Structure formats: C-alpha cells, structure tokens
N, C-alpha and C. Protein backbone atom coordinates (compact mmCIF):
# COMPACT_ATOMS: atom_id res chain seq x y z
N UNK A 1 -4.46 -1.48 -33.79
CA UNK A 1 -4.95 -0.61 -32.76
C UNK A 1 -4.52 -1.26 -31.46
N UNK A 2 -3.97 -0.50 -30.58
CA UNK A 2 -3.56 -0.89 -29.26
C UNK A 2 -4.76 -1.03 -28.33
N UNK A 3 -4.92 -2.22 -27.73
CA UNK A 3 -6.03 -2.43 -26.76
C UNK A 3 -5.58 -2.18 -25.37
N UNK A 4 -6.42 -1.75 -24.63
CA UNK A 4 -6.07 -1.56 -23.15
C UNK A 4 -7.26 -2.27 -22.31
N UNK A 5 -6.82 -2.68 -21.15
CA UNK A 5 -7.86 -3.29 -20.21
C UNK A 5 -7.63 -2.85 -18.87
N UNK A 6 -8.62 -3.13 -17.93
CA UNK A 6 -8.52 -2.63 -16.61
C UNK A 6 -7.37 -3.29 -15.76
N UNK A 7 -6.88 -2.52 -14.85
CA UNK A 7 -5.93 -3.00 -13.96
C UNK A 7 -6.65 -3.04 -12.50
N UNK A 8 -6.55 -4.03 -11.87
CA UNK A 8 -7.02 -4.20 -10.36
C UNK A 8 -5.82 -4.19 -9.46
N UNK A 9 -5.61 -3.17 -8.73
CA UNK A 9 -4.40 -3.06 -7.87
C UNK A 9 -4.90 -3.36 -6.48
N UNK A 10 -4.34 -4.45 -5.90
CA UNK A 10 -4.57 -4.92 -4.53
C UNK A 10 -3.42 -4.29 -3.69
N UNK A 11 -3.71 -3.64 -2.66
CA UNK A 11 -2.72 -2.98 -1.78
C UNK A 11 -2.93 -3.56 -0.32
N UNK A 12 -1.75 -3.86 0.29
CA UNK A 12 -1.85 -4.24 1.60
C UNK A 12 -0.62 -3.74 2.34
N UNK A 13 -0.81 -3.46 3.53
CA UNK A 13 0.40 -3.14 4.49
C UNK A 13 0.94 -4.39 5.10
N UNK A 14 2.17 -4.53 5.19
CA UNK A 14 2.82 -5.73 5.86
C UNK A 14 2.16 -6.05 7.11
N UNK A 15 2.26 -7.37 7.53
CA UNK A 15 1.69 -7.72 8.82
C UNK A 15 2.41 -7.10 9.99
N UNK A 16 1.84 -7.16 11.17
CA UNK A 16 2.45 -6.64 12.31
C UNK A 16 3.86 -7.11 12.55
N UNK A 17 4.77 -6.04 12.84
CA UNK A 17 6.23 -6.26 12.97
C UNK A 17 6.73 -6.27 14.35
N UNK A 18 7.82 -6.78 14.59
CA UNK A 18 8.33 -6.80 15.98
C UNK A 18 8.76 -5.30 16.23
N UNK A 19 9.16 -4.93 17.51
CA UNK A 19 9.53 -3.60 17.92
C UNK A 19 10.59 -3.03 17.07
N UNK A 20 11.58 -3.82 16.67
CA UNK A 20 12.80 -3.30 15.87
C UNK A 20 12.51 -3.44 14.43
N UNK A 21 11.30 -3.96 14.04
CA UNK A 21 10.85 -4.02 12.67
C UNK A 21 11.65 -5.03 11.81
N UNK A 22 12.41 -5.93 12.43
CA UNK A 22 13.35 -6.84 11.74
C UNK A 22 12.62 -8.10 11.21
N UNK A 23 11.34 -8.38 11.81
CA UNK A 23 10.59 -9.42 11.35
C UNK A 23 9.19 -9.35 11.81
N UNK A 24 8.25 -10.23 11.31
CA UNK A 24 6.87 -10.20 11.72
C UNK A 24 6.75 -10.89 13.06
N UNK A 25 5.69 -10.39 13.83
CA UNK A 25 5.35 -11.10 15.05
C UNK A 25 4.53 -12.32 14.72
N UNK A 26 4.17 -13.09 15.64
CA UNK A 26 3.30 -14.31 15.45
C UNK A 26 1.98 -13.92 14.92
N UNK A 27 1.50 -12.68 15.45
CA UNK A 27 0.25 -12.11 14.89
C UNK A 27 0.30 -11.67 13.49
N UNK A 28 1.45 -11.08 13.15
CA UNK A 28 1.72 -10.54 11.76
C UNK A 28 1.91 -11.83 10.78
N UNK A 29 2.46 -12.90 11.18
CA UNK A 29 2.47 -13.94 10.30
C UNK A 29 1.04 -14.55 10.07
N UNK A 30 0.24 -14.61 11.19
CA UNK A 30 -1.11 -15.12 11.00
C UNK A 30 -1.89 -14.13 10.21
N UNK A 31 -1.79 -12.86 10.36
CA UNK A 31 -2.41 -11.90 9.44
C UNK A 31 -2.09 -12.14 7.92
N UNK A 32 -0.86 -12.37 7.74
CA UNK A 32 -0.41 -12.52 6.26
C UNK A 32 -1.01 -13.77 5.69
N UNK A 33 -0.98 -14.90 6.55
CA UNK A 33 -1.55 -16.19 5.95
C UNK A 33 -3.13 -16.00 5.73
N UNK A 34 -3.80 -15.29 6.57
CA UNK A 34 -5.21 -15.09 6.41
C UNK A 34 -5.47 -14.30 5.21
N UNK A 35 -4.65 -13.29 4.95
CA UNK A 35 -4.78 -12.39 3.74
C UNK A 35 -4.57 -13.35 2.45
N UNK A 36 -3.54 -14.15 2.47
CA UNK A 36 -3.42 -15.10 1.40
C UNK A 36 -4.56 -15.99 1.19
N UNK A 37 -5.26 -16.49 2.18
CA UNK A 37 -6.47 -17.25 2.03
C UNK A 37 -7.49 -16.43 1.42
N UNK A 38 -7.66 -15.19 1.79
CA UNK A 38 -8.72 -14.33 1.16
C UNK A 38 -8.46 -14.13 -0.27
N UNK A 39 -7.16 -14.05 -0.70
CA UNK A 39 -6.90 -13.79 -2.10
C UNK A 39 -6.90 -14.98 -3.01
N UNK A 40 -7.13 -16.14 -2.44
CA UNK A 40 -7.34 -17.40 -3.24
C UNK A 40 -8.43 -17.17 -4.27
N UNK A 41 -8.25 -17.50 -5.47
CA UNK A 41 -9.33 -17.33 -6.49
C UNK A 41 -9.11 -15.96 -7.18
N UNK A 42 -8.38 -15.03 -6.70
CA UNK A 42 -8.04 -13.87 -7.43
C UNK A 42 -6.96 -14.18 -8.47
N UNK A 43 -7.10 -13.82 -9.68
CA UNK A 43 -6.14 -14.28 -10.74
C UNK A 43 -4.85 -13.27 -10.76
N UNK A 44 -4.08 -13.27 -9.62
CA UNK A 44 -3.07 -12.32 -9.52
C UNK A 44 -1.97 -12.65 -10.50
N UNK A 45 -1.41 -11.70 -11.24
CA UNK A 45 -0.33 -11.87 -12.17
C UNK A 45 1.02 -11.80 -11.33
N UNK A 46 1.13 -11.00 -10.27
CA UNK A 46 2.32 -10.88 -9.54
C UNK A 46 2.10 -10.36 -8.11
N UNK A 47 2.93 -10.67 -7.15
CA UNK A 47 2.97 -10.11 -5.91
C UNK A 47 4.24 -9.26 -5.85
N UNK A 48 4.13 -7.88 -5.76
CA UNK A 48 5.24 -6.94 -5.67
C UNK A 48 5.47 -6.58 -4.17
N UNK A 49 6.64 -6.50 -3.74
CA UNK A 49 6.80 -6.17 -2.38
C UNK A 49 8.08 -5.26 -2.15
N UNK A 50 8.00 -4.55 -1.17
CA UNK A 50 9.14 -3.63 -0.84
C UNK A 50 10.40 -4.48 -0.32
N UNK A 51 11.50 -3.81 -0.22
CA UNK A 51 12.73 -4.51 0.22
C UNK A 51 12.93 -4.80 1.66
N UNK A 52 12.19 -4.21 2.45
CA UNK A 52 12.28 -4.40 3.92
C UNK A 52 11.79 -5.73 4.37
N UNK A 53 12.37 -6.27 5.39
CA UNK A 53 12.08 -7.71 5.84
C UNK A 53 10.54 -7.81 6.13
N UNK A 54 9.91 -6.88 6.78
CA UNK A 54 8.54 -7.13 7.07
C UNK A 54 7.64 -7.20 5.95
N UNK A 55 7.91 -6.49 4.85
CA UNK A 55 7.13 -6.62 3.63
C UNK A 55 7.52 -7.92 2.88
N UNK A 56 8.78 -8.20 2.81
CA UNK A 56 9.13 -9.48 2.19
C UNK A 56 8.55 -10.72 2.87
N UNK A 57 8.59 -10.83 4.07
CA UNK A 57 8.11 -11.86 4.83
C UNK A 57 6.58 -11.96 4.69
N UNK A 58 5.85 -10.81 4.64
CA UNK A 58 4.44 -10.92 4.39
C UNK A 58 4.20 -11.47 2.96
N UNK A 59 4.95 -10.92 2.00
CA UNK A 59 4.66 -11.45 0.63
C UNK A 59 4.89 -12.88 0.50
N UNK A 60 5.96 -13.44 1.24
CA UNK A 60 6.17 -14.89 1.21
C UNK A 60 5.01 -15.64 1.83
N UNK A 61 4.44 -15.26 2.94
CA UNK A 61 3.46 -15.91 3.59
C UNK A 61 2.12 -15.81 2.82
N UNK A 62 1.92 -14.70 2.15
CA UNK A 62 0.68 -14.49 1.34
C UNK A 62 0.82 -15.46 0.18
N UNK A 63 2.03 -15.41 -0.49
CA UNK A 63 2.17 -16.26 -1.72
C UNK A 63 2.08 -17.76 -1.41
N UNK A 64 2.45 -18.18 -0.21
CA UNK A 64 2.33 -19.63 0.15
C UNK A 64 0.99 -20.05 0.16
N UNK A 65 0.06 -19.16 0.28
CA UNK A 65 -1.43 -19.62 0.21
C UNK A 65 -2.01 -19.64 -1.27
N UNK A 66 -1.11 -19.16 -2.17
CA UNK A 66 -1.68 -19.12 -3.61
C UNK A 66 -0.98 -19.97 -4.51
N UNK A 67 -1.33 -20.11 -5.72
CA UNK A 67 -0.87 -21.09 -6.57
C UNK A 67 0.15 -20.52 -7.58
N UNK A 68 1.48 -20.62 -7.17
CA UNK A 68 2.63 -20.21 -7.93
C UNK A 68 2.49 -18.82 -8.55
N UNK A 69 2.06 -17.83 -7.68
CA UNK A 69 2.13 -16.48 -8.24
C UNK A 69 3.50 -15.91 -7.99
N UNK A 70 4.21 -15.37 -9.03
CA UNK A 70 5.51 -14.96 -8.84
C UNK A 70 5.62 -13.67 -7.92
N UNK A 71 6.73 -13.62 -7.06
CA UNK A 71 6.95 -12.55 -6.29
C UNK A 71 8.09 -11.61 -6.73
N UNK A 72 7.91 -10.39 -6.74
CA UNK A 72 8.93 -9.42 -7.33
C UNK A 72 9.21 -8.33 -6.26
N UNK A 73 10.56 -8.21 -5.93
CA UNK A 73 10.95 -7.21 -4.99
C UNK A 73 11.06 -5.86 -5.80
N UNK A 74 10.60 -4.83 -5.20
CA UNK A 74 10.60 -3.52 -5.85
C UNK A 74 10.86 -2.48 -4.89
N UNK A 75 11.84 -1.64 -5.30
CA UNK A 75 12.19 -0.38 -4.42
C UNK A 75 10.98 0.60 -4.44
N UNK A 76 10.13 0.67 -5.53
CA UNK A 76 9.09 1.48 -5.57
C UNK A 76 7.88 1.17 -4.63
N UNK A 77 7.97 -0.14 -4.20
CA UNK A 77 6.98 -0.63 -3.17
C UNK A 77 7.43 -0.35 -1.78
N UNK A 78 8.50 0.25 -1.57
CA UNK A 78 9.13 0.37 -0.21
C UNK A 78 8.62 1.40 0.68
N UNK A 79 9.28 1.68 1.72
CA UNK A 79 8.83 2.57 2.75
C UNK A 79 9.55 3.96 2.64
N UNK A 80 8.85 4.98 2.18
CA UNK A 80 9.49 6.31 1.92
C UNK A 80 8.45 7.38 1.93
N UNK A 81 8.94 8.63 2.13
CA UNK A 81 7.96 9.70 2.23
C UNK A 81 7.73 10.23 0.71
N UNK A 82 6.53 10.09 0.30
CA UNK A 82 6.16 10.35 -1.16
C UNK A 82 6.13 11.75 -1.57
N UNK A 83 5.88 12.65 -0.68
CA UNK A 83 5.72 14.06 -1.07
C UNK A 83 5.86 14.82 0.18
N UNK A 84 6.70 15.95 0.01
CA UNK A 84 6.96 16.91 1.00
C UNK A 84 6.08 18.22 0.81
N UNK A 85 5.06 18.50 1.55
CA UNK A 85 4.31 19.68 1.29
C UNK A 85 4.90 20.91 1.95
N UNK A 86 4.61 22.00 1.35
CA UNK A 86 5.05 23.33 2.01
C UNK A 86 3.93 23.70 2.99
N UNK A 87 4.23 24.51 3.92
CA UNK A 87 3.31 24.88 5.03
C UNK A 87 2.01 25.40 4.43
N UNK A 88 2.12 26.18 3.41
CA UNK A 88 0.87 26.86 2.84
C UNK A 88 -0.09 25.86 2.09
N UNK A 89 0.44 24.68 1.82
CA UNK A 89 -0.45 23.67 1.23
C UNK A 89 -1.29 23.05 2.39
N UNK A 90 -0.90 23.05 3.62
CA UNK A 90 -1.52 22.21 4.66
C UNK A 90 -2.56 23.03 5.31
N UNK A 91 -3.68 22.32 5.87
CA UNK A 91 -4.63 23.01 6.75
C UNK A 91 -3.95 23.63 7.97
N UNK A 92 -4.10 24.89 8.27
CA UNK A 92 -3.44 25.58 9.35
C UNK A 92 -3.56 24.87 10.60
N UNK A 93 -4.61 24.15 10.91
CA UNK A 93 -4.79 23.49 12.25
C UNK A 93 -3.94 22.27 12.34
N UNK A 94 -3.35 21.74 11.18
CA UNK A 94 -2.53 20.50 11.20
C UNK A 94 -1.12 20.71 10.83
N UNK A 95 -0.84 21.94 10.33
CA UNK A 95 0.44 22.19 9.74
C UNK A 95 1.58 21.95 10.65
N UNK A 96 1.53 22.47 11.92
CA UNK A 96 2.61 22.23 12.82
C UNK A 96 2.95 20.81 13.08
N UNK A 97 1.95 20.01 13.42
CA UNK A 97 2.10 18.67 13.80
C UNK A 97 2.68 17.95 12.54
N UNK A 98 2.14 18.16 11.34
CA UNK A 98 2.58 17.31 10.25
C UNK A 98 4.06 17.73 9.77
N UNK A 99 4.31 19.04 9.90
CA UNK A 99 5.67 19.51 9.48
C UNK A 99 6.71 18.89 10.54
N UNK A 100 6.33 18.87 11.82
CA UNK A 100 7.22 18.22 12.90
C UNK A 100 7.42 16.81 12.49
N UNK A 101 6.33 16.03 12.25
CA UNK A 101 6.47 14.68 11.85
C UNK A 101 7.36 14.46 10.66
N UNK A 102 7.20 15.29 9.66
CA UNK A 102 8.07 15.08 8.48
C UNK A 102 9.54 15.50 8.70
N UNK A 103 9.73 16.36 9.61
CA UNK A 103 11.11 16.76 10.01
C UNK A 103 11.99 15.71 10.64
N UNK A 104 11.31 14.62 11.00
CA UNK A 104 12.15 13.57 11.65
C UNK A 104 12.91 12.70 10.74
N UNK A 105 12.53 12.90 9.42
CA UNK A 105 13.22 12.08 8.37
C UNK A 105 14.45 12.67 7.94
N UNK A 106 15.48 11.94 7.52
CA UNK A 106 16.74 12.45 7.12
C UNK A 106 16.60 13.15 5.73
N UNK A 107 17.70 13.98 5.47
CA UNK A 107 17.61 14.67 4.08
C UNK A 107 17.70 13.74 2.95
N UNK A 108 18.32 12.58 3.15
CA UNK A 108 18.39 11.59 2.10
C UNK A 108 16.93 10.97 1.85
N UNK A 109 16.29 10.64 2.99
CA UNK A 109 14.93 10.07 2.91
C UNK A 109 14.03 11.11 2.21
N UNK A 110 14.08 12.37 2.67
CA UNK A 110 13.21 13.32 2.07
C UNK A 110 13.43 13.65 0.61
N UNK A 111 14.68 13.38 0.19
CA UNK A 111 15.07 13.60 -1.22
C UNK A 111 14.73 12.53 -2.18
N UNK A 112 14.87 11.30 -1.66
CA UNK A 112 14.58 10.10 -2.61
C UNK A 112 13.18 9.75 -2.72
N UNK A 113 12.33 10.03 -1.64
CA UNK A 113 10.93 9.64 -1.81
C UNK A 113 10.06 10.10 -2.89
N UNK A 114 10.08 11.45 -3.30
CA UNK A 114 9.28 11.80 -4.29
C UNK A 114 9.58 11.08 -5.68
N UNK A 115 10.87 10.84 -5.88
CA UNK A 115 11.12 10.15 -7.25
C UNK A 115 10.62 8.70 -7.15
N UNK A 116 10.72 8.06 -6.02
CA UNK A 116 10.15 6.71 -5.91
C UNK A 116 8.62 6.75 -5.98
N UNK A 117 8.01 7.75 -5.42
CA UNK A 117 6.56 7.84 -5.52
C UNK A 117 6.04 8.07 -7.06
N UNK A 118 6.85 8.90 -7.66
CA UNK A 118 6.42 9.04 -9.21
C UNK A 118 6.59 7.72 -9.94
N UNK A 119 7.70 6.97 -9.61
CA UNK A 119 7.88 5.65 -10.26
C UNK A 119 6.87 4.72 -9.87
N UNK A 120 6.28 4.77 -8.71
CA UNK A 120 5.23 3.79 -8.27
C UNK A 120 3.91 4.09 -9.03
N UNK A 121 3.67 5.33 -9.22
CA UNK A 121 2.41 5.72 -10.06
C UNK A 121 2.60 5.15 -11.42
N UNK A 122 3.79 5.32 -11.98
CA UNK A 122 4.14 4.79 -13.30
C UNK A 122 4.00 3.33 -13.48
N UNK A 123 4.48 2.59 -12.38
CA UNK A 123 4.65 1.13 -12.41
C UNK A 123 3.39 0.43 -12.06
N UNK A 124 2.58 0.96 -11.15
CA UNK A 124 1.44 0.14 -10.51
C UNK A 124 0.09 0.71 -10.97
N UNK A 125 -0.06 1.88 -11.55
CA UNK A 125 -1.42 2.46 -11.65
C UNK A 125 -1.71 2.57 -13.15
N UNK A 126 -3.04 2.74 -13.41
CA UNK A 126 -3.51 2.90 -14.85
C UNK A 126 -3.87 1.64 -15.48
N UNK A 127 -4.68 1.78 -16.59
CA UNK A 127 -5.00 0.59 -17.35
C UNK A 127 -3.75 -0.09 -17.97
N UNK A 128 -3.92 -1.35 -18.39
CA UNK A 128 -2.71 -2.10 -18.88
C UNK A 128 -2.94 -2.19 -20.37
N UNK A 129 -1.89 -2.27 -21.07
CA UNK A 129 -1.86 -2.71 -22.53
C UNK A 129 -2.00 -4.10 -22.79
N UNK A 130 -3.27 -4.49 -22.88
CA UNK A 130 -3.51 -6.04 -22.95
C UNK A 130 -4.87 -6.15 -23.39
N UNK A 131 -5.38 -7.44 -23.67
CA UNK A 131 -6.70 -7.58 -24.07
C UNK A 131 -7.57 -8.20 -22.90
N UNK A 132 -6.95 -8.39 -21.70
CA UNK A 132 -7.62 -8.89 -20.61
C UNK A 132 -7.26 -8.05 -19.36
N UNK A 133 -8.08 -8.00 -18.30
CA UNK A 133 -7.72 -7.33 -17.08
C UNK A 133 -6.51 -7.96 -16.43
N UNK A 134 -5.79 -7.06 -15.58
CA UNK A 134 -4.65 -7.58 -14.86
C UNK A 134 -4.85 -7.33 -13.39
N UNK A 135 -4.48 -8.26 -12.54
CA UNK A 135 -4.57 -8.19 -11.14
C UNK A 135 -3.22 -8.22 -10.55
N UNK A 136 -2.83 -7.21 -9.68
CA UNK A 136 -1.51 -7.19 -9.02
C UNK A 136 -1.65 -6.95 -7.53
N UNK A 137 -0.91 -7.60 -6.74
CA UNK A 137 -0.82 -7.27 -5.30
C UNK A 137 0.40 -6.55 -4.99
N UNK A 138 0.32 -5.44 -4.27
CA UNK A 138 1.51 -4.79 -3.75
C UNK A 138 1.50 -4.80 -2.15
N UNK A 139 2.59 -5.49 -1.71
CA UNK A 139 2.75 -5.56 -0.23
C UNK A 139 3.73 -4.50 0.19
N UNK A 140 3.23 -3.43 0.86
CA UNK A 140 4.04 -2.26 0.99
C UNK A 140 3.85 -1.73 2.40
N UNK A 141 3.79 -0.32 2.58
CA UNK A 141 3.70 0.43 3.84
C UNK A 141 2.68 1.50 3.84
N UNK A 142 2.29 1.94 4.88
CA UNK A 142 1.08 2.85 4.92
C UNK A 142 1.31 4.09 4.15
N UNK A 143 2.54 4.61 3.99
CA UNK A 143 2.80 5.91 3.26
C UNK A 143 2.38 5.75 1.79
N UNK A 144 2.91 4.56 1.23
CA UNK A 144 2.61 4.35 -0.33
C UNK A 144 1.14 4.10 -0.44
N UNK A 145 0.53 3.38 0.42
CA UNK A 145 -0.98 3.16 0.26
C UNK A 145 -1.66 4.53 0.19
N UNK A 146 -1.37 5.38 1.21
CA UNK A 146 -1.92 6.64 1.29
C UNK A 146 -1.70 7.54 -0.01
N UNK A 147 -0.59 7.44 -0.55
CA UNK A 147 -0.20 8.22 -1.76
C UNK A 147 -0.97 7.68 -2.96
N UNK A 148 -1.07 6.37 -3.11
CA UNK A 148 -1.84 5.82 -4.21
C UNK A 148 -3.37 6.04 -4.06
N UNK A 149 -3.84 5.96 -2.86
CA UNK A 149 -5.26 6.25 -2.74
C UNK A 149 -5.62 7.66 -2.99
N UNK A 150 -4.72 8.63 -2.45
CA UNK A 150 -5.10 10.01 -2.68
C UNK A 150 -4.98 10.31 -4.26
N UNK A 151 -4.04 9.66 -5.00
CA UNK A 151 -3.91 9.93 -6.44
C UNK A 151 -5.16 9.37 -7.10
N UNK A 152 -5.64 8.24 -6.65
CA UNK A 152 -6.92 7.63 -7.33
C UNK A 152 -8.04 8.53 -7.11
N UNK A 153 -8.13 9.31 -5.99
CA UNK A 153 -9.14 10.25 -5.72
C UNK A 153 -8.93 11.64 -6.28
N UNK A 154 -7.80 11.73 -6.86
CA UNK A 154 -7.51 13.09 -7.40
C UNK A 154 -7.29 14.21 -6.35
N UNK A 155 -7.00 13.76 -5.12
CA UNK A 155 -6.83 14.67 -3.91
C UNK A 155 -5.47 15.48 -4.10
N UNK A 156 -5.39 16.55 -3.36
CA UNK A 156 -4.07 17.26 -3.37
C UNK A 156 -2.90 16.33 -2.90
N UNK A 157 -1.65 16.68 -3.33
CA UNK A 157 -0.56 15.82 -3.13
C UNK A 157 -0.25 15.55 -1.60
N UNK A 158 -0.49 16.63 -0.86
CA UNK A 158 -0.26 16.54 0.62
C UNK A 158 -1.18 15.48 1.29
N UNK A 159 -2.31 15.21 0.64
CA UNK A 159 -3.37 14.40 1.31
C UNK A 159 -3.05 13.01 1.68
N UNK A 160 -1.80 12.52 1.19
CA UNK A 160 -1.34 11.16 1.61
C UNK A 160 -1.22 11.13 3.14
N UNK A 161 -0.93 12.34 3.76
CA UNK A 161 -0.77 12.38 5.19
C UNK A 161 -2.15 12.25 5.86
N UNK A 162 -2.23 11.39 6.85
CA UNK A 162 -3.46 11.19 7.64
C UNK A 162 -4.25 10.06 6.98
N UNK A 163 -3.84 9.27 5.97
CA UNK A 163 -4.56 8.17 5.40
C UNK A 163 -3.80 6.97 6.07
N UNK A 164 -4.37 6.43 7.05
CA UNK A 164 -3.73 5.29 7.85
C UNK A 164 -4.19 3.98 7.22
N UNK A 165 -3.37 2.93 7.45
CA UNK A 165 -3.77 1.61 7.01
C UNK A 165 -3.33 0.53 7.98
N UNK A 166 -4.21 -0.35 8.36
CA UNK A 166 -3.95 -1.43 9.34
C UNK A 166 -3.13 -2.52 8.73
N UNK A 167 -2.45 -3.21 9.58
CA UNK A 167 -1.55 -4.27 9.08
C UNK A 167 -2.44 -5.39 8.40
N UNK A 168 -2.06 -5.73 7.19
CA UNK A 168 -2.61 -6.88 6.46
C UNK A 168 -4.10 -6.59 6.05
N UNK A 169 -4.53 -5.30 6.15
CA UNK A 169 -5.82 -4.96 5.62
C UNK A 169 -5.68 -4.83 4.04
N UNK A 170 -6.88 -4.82 3.42
CA UNK A 170 -6.85 -4.80 1.97
C UNK A 170 -7.48 -3.72 1.38
N UNK A 171 -6.87 -3.00 0.38
CA UNK A 171 -7.35 -1.91 -0.34
C UNK A 171 -7.37 -2.35 -1.75
N UNK A 172 -8.37 -2.06 -2.70
CA UNK A 172 -8.40 -2.36 -3.96
C UNK A 172 -8.76 -1.11 -4.85
N UNK A 173 -8.05 -0.96 -5.86
CA UNK A 173 -8.35 0.18 -6.84
C UNK A 173 -8.44 -0.37 -8.20
N UNK A 174 -9.40 0.10 -8.91
CA UNK A 174 -9.70 -0.32 -10.30
C UNK A 174 -9.38 0.81 -11.26
N UNK A 175 -8.46 0.54 -12.19
CA UNK A 175 -8.10 1.53 -13.23
C UNK A 175 -8.65 1.03 -14.59
N UNK A 176 -9.73 1.52 -14.97
CA UNK A 176 -10.43 1.18 -16.24
C UNK A 176 -10.20 2.11 -17.35
N UNK A 177 -10.06 1.66 -18.55
CA UNK A 177 -9.92 2.62 -19.71
C UNK A 177 -11.07 3.62 -19.68
N UNK A 178 -10.56 4.80 -20.04
CA UNK A 178 -11.65 5.87 -20.30
C UNK A 178 -12.52 6.22 -19.11
N UNK A 179 -12.04 6.05 -17.93
CA UNK A 179 -12.85 6.56 -16.80
C UNK A 179 -11.93 6.71 -15.55
N UNK A 180 -12.35 7.48 -14.54
CA UNK A 180 -11.42 7.72 -13.44
C UNK A 180 -11.31 6.44 -12.66
N UNK A 181 -10.11 6.37 -11.87
CA UNK A 181 -9.98 5.24 -10.94
C UNK A 181 -11.10 5.10 -9.90
N UNK A 182 -11.33 3.84 -9.48
CA UNK A 182 -12.40 3.59 -8.47
C UNK A 182 -11.77 2.89 -7.38
N UNK A 183 -11.90 3.48 -6.09
CA UNK A 183 -11.50 2.72 -4.97
C UNK A 183 -12.58 1.81 -4.58
N UNK A 184 -12.39 0.44 -4.78
CA UNK A 184 -13.39 -0.51 -4.48
C UNK A 184 -13.50 -0.94 -3.11
N UNK A 185 -12.26 -1.01 -2.43
CA UNK A 185 -12.24 -1.34 -1.01
C UNK A 185 -11.10 -0.46 -0.39
N UNK A 186 -11.26 -0.19 0.82
CA UNK A 186 -10.24 0.51 1.60
C UNK A 186 -10.09 0.05 2.97
N UNK A 187 -8.86 -0.43 3.34
CA UNK A 187 -8.59 -0.70 4.69
C UNK A 187 -9.50 -1.83 5.18
N UNK A 188 -9.81 -2.83 4.32
CA UNK A 188 -10.83 -3.89 4.65
C UNK A 188 -10.01 -4.97 5.45
N UNK A 189 -10.69 -5.32 6.63
CA UNK A 189 -10.07 -6.32 7.51
C UNK A 189 -10.97 -7.53 7.73
N UNK A 190 -11.90 -7.70 6.81
CA UNK A 190 -12.94 -8.69 6.92
C UNK A 190 -12.40 -10.15 7.03
N UNK A 191 -11.18 -10.35 6.60
CA UNK A 191 -10.56 -11.61 6.61
C UNK A 191 -9.82 -11.91 7.95
N UNK A 192 -9.74 -10.86 8.81
CA UNK A 192 -9.06 -11.04 10.02
C UNK A 192 -10.07 -11.15 11.23
N UNK A 193 -9.73 -11.99 12.14
CA UNK A 193 -10.58 -12.14 13.42
C UNK A 193 -10.35 -10.76 14.21
N UNK A 194 -11.29 -10.58 15.10
CA UNK A 194 -11.21 -9.27 15.88
C UNK A 194 -9.89 -9.07 16.55
N UNK A 195 -9.25 -10.05 17.08
CA UNK A 195 -8.14 -9.91 17.91
C UNK A 195 -6.91 -9.49 16.96
N UNK A 196 -6.93 -9.74 15.62
CA UNK A 196 -5.89 -9.38 14.69
C UNK A 196 -6.17 -8.04 13.92
N UNK A 197 -7.24 -7.40 14.10
CA UNK A 197 -7.57 -6.18 13.44
C UNK A 197 -7.00 -4.93 14.09
N UNK A 198 -6.75 -3.93 13.35
CA UNK A 198 -6.34 -2.59 13.78
C UNK A 198 -4.98 -2.54 14.35
N UNK A 199 -4.13 -3.53 14.18
CA UNK A 199 -2.72 -3.42 14.59
C UNK A 199 -2.12 -2.45 13.59
N UNK A 200 -1.23 -1.62 14.18
CA UNK A 200 -0.56 -0.60 13.29
C UNK A 200 -1.42 0.58 13.06
N UNK A 201 -2.50 0.68 13.77
CA UNK A 201 -3.48 1.82 13.60
C UNK A 201 -3.48 2.56 14.88
N UNK A 202 -3.50 3.92 14.94
CA UNK A 202 -3.55 4.65 16.25
C UNK A 202 -4.72 4.21 17.00
N UNK A 203 -4.56 4.02 18.28
CA UNK A 203 -5.67 3.63 19.20
C UNK A 203 -6.98 4.44 19.00
N UNK A 204 -6.66 5.81 18.87
CA UNK A 204 -7.88 6.65 18.92
C UNK A 204 -8.69 6.58 17.53
N UNK A 205 -8.09 5.75 16.62
CA UNK A 205 -8.80 5.63 15.37
C UNK A 205 -9.48 4.22 15.18
N UNK A 206 -9.36 3.41 16.22
CA UNK A 206 -10.03 2.15 16.18
C UNK A 206 -11.59 2.33 16.30
N UNK A 207 -12.26 1.66 15.49
CA UNK A 207 -13.68 1.76 15.54
C UNK A 207 -14.33 0.42 15.44
C-alpha cells in the first residue's frame, strides 16, 4: 500500500534587488541572511530557486545559514506570468488596469508562463509519497507565490493578480493527505527589522 505524508511548502520572494535586477542590494543580502536564520531548525529537504540572479543569490545566502541543505535551480521557480485571464473573468472595475499590465509582457513570455505554472503545481504542491512529512523552500518571485496561494485557496485562476509579496517574507502552505491545503503563514516578515520590511511592496499597501 502506498503511503503519503504531508508536504510543507515554504515560499519566499528574493531579497531586494538592484534597479537593474542584476544582483541583491545590501538590504536584500541582509534580508536573505535573516530569513536563513529564521529557517534554522526547519528540516528542509531542499532549497529550490529560480534561474535569475536575484533568486539564486537569495538561495545561496539563505542556504549559508543552514546545515548542508541542497540547492536546486528550477525553471518552474522562475519569474513568469502564470495565467492570462480573459476580460470577462476579471472584475469590471479592475479589468482595464490588469489587462494593460499584462499587455506589457512579450508574446513569448505570455505563451511560456502557463505551462511553467502547471509544472510548478505538479512539482511543488500536494502530499508526498513517503512515510514522513517533507519540507521544501522555494525562492521565487511574487507572481508564482500569488499563483500557488490562489491554488491552495481554490480561488479562480485570475486571482493570482493582486496577491503581492514582500522581499524575503515567508509564506507556508501545508498539503496534508485527505484534506484541503492550508495556508499557515502569508507574507510574514517577523524575522525582519522594521527598516527591512515591505521592500518590493507598493507604498500604498504598507501597513
């Protein structure tokens, strides 16, 4: 008989990046180190990270605070548009703004994203075939975090839009056998001092 166990998926957005996004800022490096300190004691099986420099550097700095947790580069943990809604799916009051926002992406970006998003759901979510729980960290970008959170809540596919995530904040989703996913934490910045919170978040949403 196949046994399954719970998966705990830890999600974080990369640390604050330079204006050209080629590397982390000093603040971003500090954020990543503090996140690593917070995750000490969590029995992580792996750190998955997207291919862009800001995600890879964050994963390296987080991993430096942990005890030999393997790091794995993953295209599915990258930065992409996970789903392109039709106008009729969107709330009328927001449709124009969101469609304008999505229109800035190239045809290639718009075409490749949904396949990667489906692969991310297959790779990172759901219970595991094992006799003990598994804990994984994914260092990624705000779009994918929004996509995975909306999936855990069984929200409409367009609802990844508007789910923002601060740099180096922590979201945790539990996937247990025979029950719906549970969002245990979302956008938690408790490990960051006040001066390092809310970077990457629109000013009007700071609270």
